[in-house]
Amino acid sequence: MNKKIVLACEDCGSRNYTTQSNKETQSARLELKKFCKVCNQHSIHRETK
């Protein structure tokens, strides 16, 4: 069973990306290094509630 999650930039807080995650196997919040259009640089994006 997959659930839709939203990724927000750690620096500016803008919510730029959405992805799907397996609800049963994930215990910690997802962190990915993505490009932020607002900051104009690569930064860490974390899963939001």
N, C-alpha and C. Protein backbone atom coordinates (compact mmCIF):
# COMPACT_ATOMS: atom_id res chain seq x y z
N MET A 1 0.83 -1.18 0.00
CA MET A 1 0.00 0.00 0.00
C MET A 1 0.88 1.25 0.00
N ASN A 2 0.77 2.05 -1.03
CA ASN A 2 1.57 3.26 -1.14
C ASN A 2 0.79 4.46 -0.64
N LYS A 3 1.53 5.43 -0.10
CA LYS A 3 0.90 6.67 0.30
C LYS A 3 1.65 7.83 -0.34
N LYS A 4 0.92 8.88 -0.65
CA LYS A 4 1.50 10.05 -1.30
C LYS A 4 2.10 10.96 -0.24
N ILE A 5 3.38 11.36 -0.45
CA ILE A 5 4.05 12.24 0.50
C ILE A 5 4.53 13.49 -0.22
N VAL A 6 4.68 14.57 0.53
CA VAL A 6 5.12 15.85 -0.01
C VAL A 6 6.51 16.14 0.54
N LEU A 7 7.42 16.61 -0.33
CA LEU A 7 8.77 16.96 0.09
C LEU A 7 8.91 18.47 0.12
N ALA A 8 9.46 19.00 1.23
CA ALA A 8 9.65 20.44 1.39
C ALA A 8 11.13 20.74 1.53
N CYS A 9 11.55 21.88 0.98
CA CYS A 9 12.94 22.31 1.04
C CYS A 9 13.31 22.64 2.49
N GLU A 10 14.49 22.21 2.90
CA GLU A 10 14.94 22.46 4.26
C GLU A 10 15.32 23.93 4.45
N ASP A 11 15.83 24.58 3.41
CA ASP A 11 16.29 25.96 3.53
C ASP A 11 15.15 26.98 3.53
N CYS A 12 14.30 26.93 2.50
CA CYS A 12 13.25 27.95 2.37
C CYS A 12 11.86 27.46 2.79
N GLY A 13 11.67 26.14 2.88
CA GLY A 13 10.39 25.60 3.34
C GLY A 13 9.34 25.42 2.26
N SER A 14 9.66 25.73 1.01
CA SER A 14 8.67 25.57 -0.05
C SER A 14 8.47 24.09 -0.37
N ARG A 15 7.22 23.74 -0.68
CA ARG A 15 6.87 22.35 -0.97
C ARG A 15 6.91 22.16 -2.48
N ASN A 16 7.99 21.55 -2.97
CA ASN A 16 8.24 21.47 -4.40
C ASN A 16 7.90 20.13 -5.03
N TYR A 17 8.03 19.04 -4.32
CA TYR A 17 7.94 17.72 -4.93
C TYR A 17 6.94 16.84 -4.19
N THR A 18 6.33 15.91 -4.95
CA THR A 18 5.51 14.86 -4.37
C THR A 18 6.05 13.52 -4.87
N THR A 19 5.90 12.50 -4.05
CA THR A 19 6.34 11.17 -4.41
C THR A 19 5.48 10.16 -3.65
N GLN A 20 5.68 8.89 -3.94
CA GLN A 20 4.95 7.84 -3.25
C GLN A 20 5.92 7.01 -2.42
N SER A 21 5.44 6.56 -1.28
CA SER A 21 6.27 5.79 -0.37
C SER A 21 5.49 4.59 0.14
N ASN A 22 6.18 3.49 0.37
CA ASN A 22 5.55 2.31 0.93
C ASN A 22 5.30 2.56 2.41
N LYS A 23 4.05 2.54 2.80
CA LYS A 23 3.64 2.88 4.15
C LYS A 23 4.14 1.89 5.20
N GLU A 24 4.24 0.63 4.83
CA GLU A 24 4.56 -0.42 5.79
C GLU A 24 6.06 -0.50 6.12
N THR A 25 6.94 -0.21 5.16
CA THR A 25 8.37 -0.39 5.40
C THR A 25 9.06 0.87 5.88
N GLN A 26 8.44 2.01 5.75
CA GLN A 26 9.10 3.27 6.11
C GLN A 26 8.90 3.58 7.59
N SER A 27 9.99 3.83 8.31
CA SER A 27 9.87 4.19 9.72
C SER A 27 10.32 5.63 9.96
N ALA A 28 11.36 6.09 9.27
CA ALA A 28 11.84 7.46 9.43
C ALA A 28 11.36 8.31 8.26
N ARG A 29 11.49 9.62 8.40
CA ARG A 29 11.08 10.53 7.33
C ARG A 29 12.08 10.48 6.18
N LEU A 30 11.55 10.60 4.99
CA LEU A 30 12.35 10.51 3.78
C LEU A 30 13.12 11.81 3.56
N GLU A 31 14.41 11.71 3.18
CA GLU A 31 15.24 12.87 2.85
C GLU A 31 15.90 12.62 1.51
N LEU A 32 15.74 13.56 0.59
CA LEU A 32 16.36 13.48 -0.72
C LEU A 32 17.00 14.81 -1.07
N LYS A 33 18.10 14.76 -1.82
CA LYS A 33 18.73 15.98 -2.29
C LYS A 33 18.15 16.29 -3.67
N LYS A 34 17.40 17.39 -3.76
CA LYS A 34 16.71 17.79 -4.98
C LYS A 34 17.02 19.24 -5.29
N PHE A 35 16.66 19.66 -6.51
CA PHE A 35 16.84 21.06 -6.92
C PHE A 35 15.63 21.86 -6.49
N CYS A 36 15.87 22.97 -5.82
CA CYS A 36 14.80 23.87 -5.38
C CYS A 36 14.75 25.07 -6.33
N LYS A 37 13.58 25.32 -6.93
CA LYS A 37 13.42 26.42 -7.86
C LYS A 37 13.46 27.78 -7.16
N VAL A 38 13.03 27.82 -5.91
CA VAL A 38 13.01 29.07 -5.15
C VAL A 38 14.42 29.47 -4.73
N CYS A 39 15.18 28.53 -4.20
CA CYS A 39 16.56 28.78 -3.75
C CYS A 39 17.55 28.80 -4.92
N ASN A 40 17.16 28.18 -6.04
CA ASN A 40 18.01 28.06 -7.23
C ASN A 40 19.30 27.29 -6.94
N GLN A 41 19.18 26.22 -6.14
CA GLN A 41 20.32 25.38 -5.82
C GLN A 41 19.83 24.01 -5.37
N HIS A 42 20.73 23.05 -5.31
CA HIS A 42 20.39 21.72 -4.79
C HIS A 42 20.42 21.78 -3.26
N SER A 43 19.38 21.28 -2.64
CA SER A 43 19.30 21.26 -1.18
C SER A 43 18.53 20.02 -0.74
N ILE A 44 18.57 19.76 0.55
CA ILE A 44 17.88 18.60 1.11
C ILE A 44 16.39 18.91 1.22
N HIS A 45 15.58 17.97 0.74
CA HIS A 45 14.13 18.06 0.85
C HIS A 45 13.66 16.94 1.78
N ARG A 46 12.83 17.29 2.75
CA ARG A 46 12.34 16.32 3.73
C ARG A 46 10.85 16.11 3.59
N GLU A 47 10.42 14.96 4.02
CA GLU A 47 8.99 14.62 4.01
C GLU A 47 8.27 15.48 5.04
N THR A 48 7.10 16.02 4.64
CA THR A 48 6.28 16.80 5.57
C THR A 48 5.09 15.97 6.01
N LYS A 49 4.35 16.46 6.97
CA LYS A 49 3.19 15.74 7.47
C LYS A 49 2.03 15.84 6.51
